[in-house]
Amino acid sequence: MKKRTGTKSKILLVLSIVSMMATLYLVFVYVPTEKD
């Protein structure tokens, strides 16, 4: 059970990091494009 919980939290952590990076990427890509 401990392993399952650890894996679940690890997956959630990775997902949150990926979504954060994706948001930052979109911001840095789309904002300068719109300004031009």
Protein backbone atom coordinates (compact mmCIF):
# COMPACT_ATOMS: atom_id res chain seq x y z
CA MET A 1 0.00 0.00 0.00
CA LYS A 2 2.86 2.36 0.80
CA LYS A 3 4.35 1.75 -2.65
CA ARG A 4 1.01 2.48 -4.34
CA THR A 5 0.63 5.78 -2.50
CA GLY A 6 4.22 6.75 -3.31
CA THR A 7 3.71 5.99 -6.99
CA LYS A 8 0.43 7.92 -7.05
CA SER A 9 1.94 11.02 -5.46
CA LYS A 10 4.97 10.73 -7.76
CA ILE A 11 2.72 10.64 -10.82
CA LEU A 12 0.73 13.63 -9.54
CA LEU A 13 3.98 15.51 -8.92
CA VAL A 14 5.22 14.78 -12.45
CA LEU A 15 1.86 15.78 -13.93
CA SER A 16 1.82 19.08 -12.05
CA ILE A 17 5.40 19.84 -13.12
CA VAL A 18 4.62 18.99 -16.74
CA SER A 19 1.50 21.16 -16.75
CA MET A 20 3.45 24.03 -15.18
CA MET A 21 6.20 23.75 -17.80
CA ALA A 22 3.60 23.53 -20.57
CA THR A 23 1.91 26.69 -19.28
CA LEU A 24 5.22 28.56 -19.08
CA TYR A 25 6.10 27.35 -22.59
CA LEU A 26 2.77 28.56 -23.97
CA VAL A 27 3.18 31.92 -22.21
CA PHE A 28 6.70 32.46 -23.56
CA VAL A 29 5.73 31.32 -27.06
CA TYR A 30 2.34 33.00 -27.51
CA VAL A 31 2.85 36.30 -25.65
CA PRO A 32 5.79 37.51 -27.82
CA THR A 33 3.98 36.30 -30.94
CA GLU A 34 0.88 38.32 -30.09
CA LYS A 35 2.96 41.40 -29.27
CA ASP A 36 4.49 41.28 -32.76
